[in-house]
Amino acid sequence: MGISAAARLFVQAGAVVSGSDRNATRATRALTKLGVPIKIGEYRASSLPRNADLIVFTKDEEYSNPELALGRKLGISVKSYPESLPIILQDKAIIGVAGTHGKTTTTGMLGSVLVEAQRDPTIVVGSWFNFLQGNARYGEGRFAVLEADEYKRAFLHHTPTVAVVTNVEADHLNYYKNLEDVYDAFRSYVARIPRHGALIACADDKGAQRVASTHQGCTLLYGLGPGADIRARIQSLKGPQTRFTATYRGERLGSFLLRVPGEHNVKNALAALAAASYAGVPISAARRALAEFAGAWRRFEFKGERRGVTLIDDYAHHPTEVRATLKAARERFGKQRIIVVFQPHFYGRLKDFFKEFVSALCLADRVVVPPVYFVEGREDDPKVAERYNSLTLAAALNKKGTSAVATPSMSAAVPATVVGAKKGDVVMTIGAGTVTQLGPQILKALA
């Protein structure tokens, strides 16, 4: 998604762009409509235009892509996705949204607020948003809103005027040594804020608070607790709309409405409010934008309904995200039965957070676990798959009293999901891999 966002920005900035991808996706199809030729399939050196000025690549395939090898041999400039962004954003005041969770939605919320306020922002985000008709836009305005990714310290390639930190937890432990190493990366990111800039951090998250305590400049805390400068009081989480009121250091900011569910999205909205206020956006414009914000692709996305069964798709792939998503589902759907199809996102992450995944998934009534999604470049120990897989996860859930079944293939997950499904049930496909592709098949099977 990041690479496709960069491609879109380069096109809008007037560059001639082409590319390659192993699979055709929503992102590649959208770029094709913009006139970008994309070769689909296994990567080949022959796909590289010999007259290219720049090659932008994803870090996980740095040493396995033959196009990169040829490009380096030919002396073409080669940059990773995060290294390429400063080329486009060099004249912008960057608002970087970082955090283990919530950064995509918060970036989308903030971007929509700046668009509503007619600030003509540049936006780079790791998902698809309807208000963008994509995952990026190039604007002539002063501000660039950027989803700042901590993976492999990617966010250290830019300097944020305003940095938002939603939370800090252990993740990407195939790269980071431990949680302290993750903290070190976030502290380095916050240290890049210039004197005239600001840090906006979540007061409800211990990790974000810990990082904020190291910042010597302007700091604004947001959250639901008493330690927040900008604070929300939730009025309703049930049904299709979320309502809350907000205050800034005791001064009332008014009432707000969200179309996206869950307490975590109230916090995301507060972060967007705080950053937008720093950028000089009137509260009235922020209120309008947040009320119309429909969420991101694959973030609690309604996919359809058949025979009274509702289908929701979500990108959650860390146990904290899975818990927040299922908690939001419980708040929204009450006592309706929740059936989850969860595809773990690579074996290493399942190993690192096995107990936490089991605990989070116990919030569901029934869980279907298809095979683990294998991520090229992130699996460093083949023996991990022998102990941590869909079978062992399902067994652990059953032991905890949550009905679960592992399936031998993705296609087998469809009948395992719909069997016994009845009117009023909610089916949720959850994970960062290919589980989203099961949605249309599940709806067809339900019908």
Protein backbone atom coordinates (compact mmCIF):
# COMPACT_ATOMS: atom_id res chain seq x y z
CA MET A 1 0.00 0.00 0.00
CA GLY A 2 2.85 2.38 0.74
CA ILE A 3 4.49 1.79 -2.62
CA SER A 4 1.21 2.40 -4.45
CA ALA A 5 0.73 5.66 -2.52
CA ALA A 6 4.20 6.82 -3.56
CA ALA A 7 3.42 5.86 -7.17
CA ARG A 8 0.20 7.90 -7.07
CA LEU A 9 2.05 10.94 -5.66
CA PHE A 10 4.78 10.71 -8.31
CA VAL A 11 2.12 10.53 -11.05
CA GLN A 12 0.31 13.57 -9.66
CA ALA A 13 3.64 15.41 -9.42
CA GLY A 14 4.23 14.80 -13.15
CA ALA A 15 6.58 11.81 -13.23
CA VAL A 16 6.32 8.89 -15.66
CA VAL A 17 5.65 5.83 -13.52
CA SER A 18 5.57 2.07 -14.15
CA GLY A 19 5.77 -0.86 -11.77
CA SER A 20 5.43 -4.53 -10.96
CA ASP A 21 3.63 -6.61 -8.35
CA ARG A 22 3.19 -10.31 -7.67
CA ASN A 23 -0.60 -9.95 -7.47
CA ALA A 24 -3.26 -7.71 -8.95
CA THR A 25 -4.93 -5.75 -6.17
CA ARG A 26 -7.30 -2.85 -5.68
CA ALA A 27 -4.25 -0.59 -5.52
CA THR A 28 -2.68 -1.87 -8.76
CA ARG A 29 -6.00 -1.66 -10.61
CA ALA A 30 -6.47 1.94 -9.47
CA LEU A 31 -2.99 2.85 -10.72
CA THR A 32 -3.66 1.14 -14.04
CA LYS A 33 -6.69 3.42 -14.46
CA LEU A 34 -4.33 6.37 -14.01
CA GLY A 35 -2.29 5.08 -16.94
CA VAL A 36 0.46 3.37 -14.95
CA PRO A 37 1.61 0.14 -16.67
CA ILE A 38 2.06 -2.64 -14.10
CA LYS A 39 3.43 -6.09 -14.79
CA ILE A 40 1.75 -8.75 -12.65
CA GLY A 41 3.51 -11.98 -11.69
CA GLU A 42 6.92 -13.09 -10.51
CA TYR A 43 9.49 -10.30 -10.65
CA ARG A 44 11.84 -10.31 -13.62
CA ALA A 45 14.77 -8.10 -14.52
CA SER A 46 13.22 -7.61 -17.96
CA SER A 47 10.37 -5.63 -16.34
CA LEU A 48 12.71 -2.74 -15.48
CA PRO A 49 12.76 0.19 -17.95
CA ARG A 50 16.43 0.78 -18.76
CA ASN A 51 15.92 4.56 -18.83
CA ALA A 52 14.50 4.76 -15.31
CA ASP A 53 15.75 7.60 -13.08
CA LEU A 54 14.57 6.07 -9.81
CA ILE A 55 13.51 2.67 -8.47
CA VAL A 56 11.31 2.60 -5.37
CA PHE A 57 11.06 -0.74 -3.57
CA THR A 58 9.62 -2.39 -0.46
CA LYS A 59 12.15 -3.31 2.21
CA ASP A 60 11.06 -6.94 2.56
CA GLU A 61 12.22 -7.71 -0.98
CA GLU A 62 15.44 -5.72 -0.97
CA TYR A 63 17.65 -8.73 -1.59
CA SER A 64 15.36 -10.97 -3.65
CA ASN A 65 14.07 -8.71 -6.43
CA PRO A 66 15.97 -9.05 -9.74
CA GLU A 67 14.75 -5.62 -10.89
CA LEU A 68 16.65 -4.03 -8.00
CA ALA A 69 19.78 -6.04 -8.76
CA LEU A 70 19.74 -4.90 -12.38
CA GLY A 71 18.98 -1.31 -11.39
CA ARG A 72 21.98 -1.16 -9.09
CA LYS A 73 24.16 -2.72 -11.81
CA LEU A 74 23.01 -0.04 -14.25
CA GLY A 75 23.69 2.73 -11.73
CA ILE A 76 20.03 3.76 -11.37
CA SER A 77 19.12 5.51 -8.11
CA VAL A 78 17.45 2.96 -5.78
CA LYS A 79 15.43 4.00 -2.73
CA SER A 80 13.10 2.26 -0.34
CA TYR A 81 9.55 3.56 -0.07
CA PRO A 82 10.25 5.70 3.05
CA GLU A 83 13.47 7.02 1.49
CA SER A 84 11.52 8.16 -1.58
CA LEU A 85 8.95 10.28 0.27
CA PRO A 86 11.27 13.22 1.08
CA ILE A 87 11.70 13.76 -2.68
CA ILE A 88 8.00 14.62 -2.91
CA LEU A 89 7.44 16.14 0.53
CA GLN A 90 10.59 18.27 0.89
CA ASP A 91 8.73 21.61 0.83
CA LYS A 92 5.86 20.52 3.12
CA ALA A 93 5.24 20.84 6.85
CA ILE A 94 4.79 17.19 7.75
CA ILE A 95 2.25 15.97 10.28
CA GLY A 96 3.46 12.41 10.91
CA VAL A 97 1.06 9.98 12.55
CA ALA A 98 2.95 7.17 14.27
CA GLY A 99 1.96 4.35 16.61
CA THR A 100 1.70 0.60 16.88
CA HIS A 101 -2.04 0.81 16.17
CA GLY A 102 -4.49 3.40 14.92
CA LYS A 103 -2.16 5.38 12.69
CA THR A 104 -3.97 4.57 9.43
CA THR A 105 -7.40 5.63 10.67
CA THR A 106 -6.02 8.69 12.47
CA THR A 107 -4.15 9.76 9.31
CA GLY A 108 -7.35 9.35 7.32
CA MET A 109 -9.39 11.34 9.84
CA LEU A 110 -6.85 14.17 9.94
CA GLY A 111 -6.54 14.21 6.16
CA SER A 112 -10.32 14.44 5.74
CA VAL A 113 -10.45 17.32 8.24
CA LEU A 114 -7.80 19.29 6.32
CA VAL A 115 -9.59 18.62 3.03
CA GLU A 116 -12.89 19.79 4.54
CA ALA A 117 -11.14 22.94 5.79
CA GLN A 118 -9.86 23.58 2.23
CA ARG A 119 -6.20 23.37 3.23
CA ASP A 120 -5.43 21.32 0.09
CA PRO A 121 -3.13 18.91 1.96
CA THR A 122 -0.86 16.22 0.61
CA ILE A 123 -1.86 12.89 2.16
CA VAL A 124 0.04 9.59 2.24
CA VAL A 125 -1.68 6.72 4.02
CA GLY A 126 -1.43 2.93 4.13
CA SER A 127 -5.00 2.14 3.14
CA TRP A 128 -7.77 3.06 0.75
CA PHE A 129 -10.14 5.91 1.62
CA ASN A 130 -13.22 6.85 -0.37
CA PHE A 131 -12.72 10.59 0.18
CA LEU A 132 -9.32 10.23 -1.52
CA GLN A 133 -10.47 7.66 -4.09
CA GLY A 134 -7.19 6.00 -3.22
CA ASN A 135 -4.44 6.09 -0.64
CA ALA A 136 -2.71 9.37 -1.49
CA ARG A 137 -3.26 12.85 -2.85
CA TYR A 138 -0.84 15.58 -3.84
CA GLY A 139 -1.92 19.05 -2.73
CA GLU A 140 -0.52 22.53 -3.10
CA GLY A 141 -1.17 23.37 0.55
CA ARG A 142 1.44 23.76 3.27
CA PHE A 143 0.72 20.54 5.16
CA ALA A 144 1.47 16.91 4.32
CA VAL A 145 -0.26 14.28 6.48
CA LEU A 146 1.84 11.14 6.52
CA GLU A 147 1.25 7.73 8.08
CA ALA A 148 4.63 7.29 9.77
CA ASP A 149 5.55 3.61 9.86
CA GLU A 150 7.87 2.34 12.59
CA TYR A 151 8.73 -0.92 10.77
CA LYS A 152 12.50 -1.03 10.22
CA ARG A 153 12.59 2.57 11.55
CA ALA A 154 11.07 3.81 8.30
CA PHE A 155 9.71 6.97 9.97
CA LEU A 156 13.23 8.22 10.66
CA HIS A 157 13.55 9.19 6.98
CA HIS A 158 11.42 12.31 7.45
CA THR A 159 11.23 15.20 9.91
CA PRO A 160 7.75 15.90 11.31
CA THR A 161 6.71 19.43 12.21
CA VAL A 162 3.96 17.76 14.23
CA ALA A 163 4.29 14.16 15.41
CA VAL A 164 1.29 12.19 16.62
CA VAL A 165 1.99 9.07 18.71
CA THR A 166 -1.15 6.97 19.21
CA ASN A 167 0.48 4.18 21.26
CA VAL A 168 3.72 2.23 21.60
CA GLU A 169 3.77 -1.55 22.06
CA ALA A 170 5.95 -4.49 21.11
CA ASP A 171 5.55 -5.44 17.45
CA HIS A 172 7.72 -6.31 14.45
CA LEU A 173 9.92 -8.41 16.71
CA ASN A 174 11.40 -10.04 13.62
CA TYR A 175 13.22 -6.69 13.30
CA TYR A 176 13.24 -5.09 16.75
CA LYS A 177 15.21 -6.83 19.49
CA ASN A 178 12.60 -6.17 22.18
CA LEU A 179 10.14 -3.56 23.46
CA GLU A 180 12.97 -1.30 24.62
CA ASP A 181 14.28 -1.26 21.06
CA VAL A 182 10.82 -0.18 19.87
CA TYR A 183 10.84 2.64 22.44
CA ASP A 184 14.25 3.72 21.22
CA ALA A 185 12.91 4.06 17.66
CA PHE A 186 9.94 6.18 18.78
CA ARG A 187 12.16 8.37 20.97
CA SER A 188 14.41 8.94 17.96
CA TYR A 189 11.38 9.89 15.88
CA VAL A 190 10.09 12.38 18.46
CA ALA A 191 13.60 13.85 18.78
CA ARG A 192 13.35 14.90 15.12
CA ILE A 193 10.56 17.41 15.89
CA PRO A 194 11.94 20.97 15.45
CA ARG A 195 11.67 23.58 18.21
CA HIS A 196 8.67 25.25 16.56
CA GLY A 197 6.88 21.90 16.22
CA ALA A 198 4.74 19.84 18.58
CA LEU A 199 4.20 16.33 19.89
CA ILE A 200 0.64 15.03 20.24
CA ALA A 201 0.48 11.82 22.28
CA CYS A 202 -2.17 9.59 23.83
CA ALA A 203 -2.40 10.11 27.59
CA ASP A 204 -4.19 6.74 27.99
CA ASP A 205 -1.30 4.70 26.63
CA LYS A 206 1.70 4.02 28.90
CA GLY A 207 4.01 3.59 25.92
CA ALA A 208 3.01 6.89 24.34
CA GLN A 209 3.33 8.61 27.72
CA ARG A 210 6.80 7.17 28.19
CA VAL A 211 7.93 8.48 24.81
CA ALA A 212 6.29 11.87 25.44
CA SER A 213 8.19 12.25 28.72
CA THR A 214 11.44 12.49 26.74
CA HIS A 215 10.22 15.39 24.57
CA GLN A 216 11.43 18.83 25.66
CA GLY A 217 9.21 20.90 23.35
CA CYS A 218 5.49 21.59 23.04
CA THR A 219 3.49 18.49 24.01
CA LEU A 220 -0.28 18.00 23.88
CA LEU A 221 -1.88 14.92 25.43
CA TYR A 222 -5.24 13.51 24.37
CA GLY A 223 -7.43 10.73 25.73
CA LEU A 224 -10.33 9.75 27.93
CA GLY A 225 -8.61 10.06 31.32
CA PRO A 226 -7.96 13.06 33.59
CA GLY A 227 -4.34 13.44 32.42
CA ALA A 228 -5.36 14.55 28.91
CA ASP A 229 -5.25 18.15 27.65
CA ILE A 230 -7.88 17.37 25.03
CA ARG A 231 -10.32 14.95 26.58
CA ALA A 232 -13.43 13.09 25.45
CA ARG A 233 -16.44 11.91 27.36
CA ILE A 234 -18.23 9.13 25.48
CA GLN A 235 -22.01 9.42 25.32
CA SER A 236 -22.86 6.36 23.20
CA LEU A 237 -21.00 3.47 21.55
CA LYS A 238 -24.05 1.41 20.61
CA GLY A 239 -25.64 1.24 17.19
CA PRO A 240 -24.37 2.71 13.90
CA GLN A 241 -23.07 5.98 15.39
CA THR A 242 -20.64 6.89 18.17
CA ARG A 243 -21.21 10.12 20.10
CA PHE A 244 -18.88 11.99 22.43
CA THR A 245 -18.18 15.46 23.82
CA ALA A 246 -14.71 16.99 23.99
CA THR A 247 -12.95 19.60 26.11
CA TYR A 248 -9.59 21.34 25.84
CA ARG A 249 -8.11 21.94 29.28
CA GLY A 250 -11.61 22.25 30.66
CA GLU A 251 -12.96 24.44 27.85
CA ARG A 252 -15.88 22.81 26.05
CA LEU A 253 -15.34 22.04 22.35
CA GLY A 254 -18.84 20.65 21.80
CA SER A 255 -20.39 17.37 20.70
CA PHE A 256 -19.04 15.08 17.98
CA LEU A 257 -20.45 12.18 15.99
CA LEU A 258 -18.54 9.31 14.37
CA ARG A 259 -19.70 6.70 11.86
CA VAL A 260 -16.84 4.38 12.85
CA PRO A 261 -17.36 2.30 16.01
CA GLY A 262 -15.36 1.75 19.15
CA GLU A 263 -13.66 3.59 21.98
CA HIS A 264 -10.35 3.38 20.10
CA ASN A 265 -11.81 5.48 17.28
CA VAL A 266 -12.87 8.18 19.74
CA LYS A 267 -9.20 8.43 20.71
CA ASN A 268 -8.18 8.49 17.05
CA ALA A 269 -10.62 11.36 16.50
CA LEU A 270 -9.14 13.27 19.45
CA ALA A 271 -5.66 12.92 17.94
CA ALA A 272 -6.97 14.26 14.61
CA LEU A 273 -8.71 17.14 16.42
CA ALA A 274 -5.54 18.09 18.26
CA ALA A 275 -3.35 18.03 15.14
CA ALA A 276 -5.95 19.90 13.08
CA SER A 277 -6.20 22.60 15.75
CA TYR A 278 -2.42 23.02 15.67
CA ALA A 279 -2.72 23.50 11.90
CA GLY A 280 -5.28 26.27 12.47
CA VAL A 281 -8.40 24.37 11.40
CA PRO A 282 -11.69 25.59 12.95
CA ILE A 283 -13.44 23.09 15.22
CA SER A 284 -16.59 23.40 13.07
CA ALA A 285 -14.75 22.04 10.00
CA ALA A 286 -13.29 19.19 12.07
CA ARG A 287 -16.75 18.33 13.41
CA ARG A 288 -18.22 18.16 9.89
CA ALA A 289 -15.38 16.03 8.54
CA LEU A 290 -15.42 13.54 11.42
CA ALA A 291 -19.19 13.11 11.12
CA GLU A 292 -18.78 12.19 7.43
CA PHE A 293 -15.66 10.06 7.85
CA ALA A 294 -16.58 6.57 6.63
CA GLY A 295 -13.44 4.78 7.75
CA ALA A 296 -10.65 3.06 5.89
CA TRP A 297 -10.69 0.07 3.61
CA ARG A 298 -10.60 -3.04 5.79
CA ARG A 299 -11.13 -1.15 9.06
CA PHE A 300 -14.41 -2.50 10.44
CA GLU A 301 -15.70 -2.36 6.87
CA PHE A 302 -19.26 -3.50 6.22
CA LYS A 303 -19.13 -5.95 3.30
CA GLY A 304 -22.74 -7.04 3.02
CA GLU A 305 -25.59 -9.00 4.53
CA ARG A 306 -27.19 -12.30 3.50
CA ARG A 307 -30.11 -14.04 5.20
CA GLY A 308 -29.79 -11.77 8.19
CA VAL A 309 -26.05 -12.46 8.66
CA THR A 310 -23.80 -9.37 8.64
CA LEU A 311 -20.25 -9.52 7.23
CA ILE A 312 -17.51 -7.20 8.53
CA ASP A 313 -13.89 -7.12 7.29
CA ASP A 314 -10.98 -5.79 9.36
CA TYR A 315 -7.21 -5.52 8.93
CA ALA A 316 -6.36 -6.19 12.61
CA HIS A 317 -3.24 -8.37 12.85
CA HIS A 318 -1.79 -7.52 16.29
CA PRO A 319 -3.57 -8.85 19.41
CA THR A 320 -4.29 -5.34 20.71
CA GLU A 321 -5.96 -4.50 17.40
CA VAL A 322 -7.92 -7.77 17.38
CA ARG A 323 -9.14 -7.08 20.92
CA ALA A 324 -10.15 -3.50 20.05
CA THR A 325 -11.99 -4.67 16.92
CA LEU A 326 -13.92 -7.39 18.77
CA LYS A 327 -14.65 -5.05 21.67
CA ALA A 328 -16.08 -2.54 19.18
CA ALA A 329 -18.16 -5.34 17.64
CA ARG A 330 -19.54 -6.26 21.06
CA GLU A 331 -20.39 -2.62 21.73
CA ARG A 332 -22.05 -2.21 18.36
CA PHE A 333 -23.90 -5.51 18.00
CA GLY A 334 -24.69 -6.28 21.64
CA LYS A 335 -25.55 -9.92 22.30
CA GLN A 336 -25.53 -11.02 18.66
CA ARG A 337 -23.29 -14.02 18.01
CA ILE A 338 -19.87 -13.13 16.56
CA ILE A 339 -18.12 -15.62 14.25
CA VAL A 340 -14.51 -14.70 13.46
CA VAL A 341 -12.37 -15.91 10.58
CA PHE A 342 -8.86 -14.99 11.74
CA GLN A 343 -5.81 -15.48 9.53
CA PRO A 344 -2.58 -14.99 11.52
CA HIS A 345 -0.11 -12.68 9.77
CA PHE A 346 3.13 -14.68 9.58
CA TYR A 347 4.37 -17.34 11.97
CA GLY A 348 6.84 -15.14 13.83
CA ARG A 349 4.16 -12.70 14.99
CA LEU A 350 1.90 -15.60 16.04
CA LYS A 351 4.79 -16.98 18.13
CA ASP A 352 5.61 -13.61 19.71
CA PHE A 353 2.02 -12.93 20.80
CA PHE A 354 0.43 -16.39 20.97
CA LYS A 355 -1.12 -16.02 24.45
CA GLU A 356 -2.30 -12.50 23.64
CA PHE A 357 -4.00 -13.67 20.42
CA VAL A 358 -5.78 -16.45 22.33
CA SER A 359 -6.99 -13.98 24.95
CA ALA A 360 -8.23 -11.47 22.35
CA LEU A 361 -10.00 -14.07 20.19
CA CYS A 362 -11.84 -15.42 23.22
CA LEU A 363 -14.10 -12.36 22.84
CA ALA A 364 -15.65 -14.14 19.83
CA ASP A 365 -18.28 -16.88 20.05
CA ARG A 366 -16.70 -19.03 17.36
CA VAL A 367 -13.36 -18.79 15.54
CA VAL A 368 -12.28 -20.27 12.20
CA VAL A 369 -8.49 -20.26 11.65
CA PRO A 370 -7.29 -20.76 8.05
CA PRO A 371 -3.57 -21.33 7.33
CA VAL A 372 -1.12 -18.66 8.49
CA TYR A 373 -0.28 -15.98 5.93
CA PHE A 374 3.38 -16.33 4.95
CA VAL A 375 5.24 -13.01 4.52
CA GLU A 376 8.30 -13.04 2.30
CA GLY A 377 11.35 -11.71 4.12
CA ARG A 378 9.90 -11.88 7.65
CA GLU A 379 10.19 -15.57 8.49
CA ASP A 380 13.64 -16.36 9.89
CA ASP A 381 13.08 -19.74 11.58
CA PRO A 382 11.21 -22.51 9.68
CA LYS A 383 10.78 -24.51 12.91
CA VAL A 384 8.47 -21.84 14.35
CA ALA A 385 5.67 -23.02 12.03
CA GLU A 386 5.76 -26.45 13.62
CA ARG A 387 4.70 -25.09 17.04
CA TYR A 388 2.74 -21.97 16.14
CA ASN A 389 0.16 -22.45 13.41
CA SER A 390 -3.58 -22.48 12.80
CA LEU A 391 -3.96 -25.92 14.42
CA THR A 392 -2.21 -24.95 17.67
CA LEU A 393 -4.12 -21.64 17.83
CA ALA A 394 -7.49 -23.37 17.39
CA ALA A 395 -6.54 -25.97 20.00
CA ALA A 396 -5.59 -23.26 22.51
CA LEU A 397 -8.91 -21.47 21.93
CA ASN A 398 -10.90 -24.66 22.44
CA LYS A 399 -8.99 -25.29 25.65
CA LYS A 400 -10.09 -21.83 26.85
CA GLY A 401 -13.74 -22.63 26.06
CA THR A 402 -14.08 -20.74 22.78
CA SER A 403 -15.28 -22.94 19.90
CA ALA A 404 -12.60 -22.95 17.22
CA VAL A 405 -11.60 -24.94 14.16
CA ALA A 406 -8.49 -24.83 11.95
CA THR A 407 -8.95 -25.41 8.22
CA PRO A 408 -6.38 -26.97 5.85
CA SER A 409 -6.91 -24.27 3.19
CA MET A 410 -8.41 -20.83 2.69
CA SER A 411 -11.28 -22.22 0.62
CA ALA A 412 -12.16 -24.71 3.36
CA ALA A 413 -12.67 -21.80 5.74
CA VAL A 414 -15.83 -20.76 3.85
CA PRO A 415 -18.03 -23.80 4.68
CA ALA A 416 -16.51 -23.92 8.16
CA THR A 417 -17.70 -20.33 8.67
CA VAL A 418 -21.24 -20.56 7.30
CA VAL A 419 -22.20 -23.91 8.82
CA GLY A 420 -24.71 -23.20 11.56
CA ALA A 421 -24.76 -19.46 10.84
CA LYS A 422 -28.20 -18.00 11.45
CA LYS A 423 -30.09 -14.72 11.26
CA GLY A 424 -28.61 -12.12 13.60
CA ASP A 425 -25.07 -13.51 13.50
CA VAL A 426 -22.08 -11.31 12.66
CA VAL A 427 -19.23 -12.82 10.63
CA MET A 428 -15.89 -10.99 10.78
CA THR A 429 -12.92 -11.70 8.51
CA ILE A 430 -9.84 -10.43 10.37
CA GLY A 431 -6.16 -10.30 9.40
CA ALA A 432 -3.61 -8.49 7.24
CA GLY A 433 -3.24 -11.27 4.66
CA THR A 434 -5.60 -12.74 2.08
CA VAL A 435 -8.51 -13.42 4.43
CA THR A 436 -10.32 -10.40 3.00
CA GLN A 437 -10.75 -12.35 -0.26
CA LEU A 438 -13.06 -14.78 1.54
CA GLY A 439 -15.72 -12.11 2.01
CA PRO A 440 -17.51 -12.50 -1.36
CA GLN A 441 -17.28 -16.31 -1.07
CA ILE A 442 -18.82 -16.26 2.42
CA LEU A 443 -21.67 -14.02 1.26
CA LYS A 444 -22.31 -16.31 -1.72
CA ALA A 445 -22.31 -19.38 0.52
CA LEU A 446 -24.69 -17.72 2.98
CA ALA A 447 -27.08 -16.98 0.13
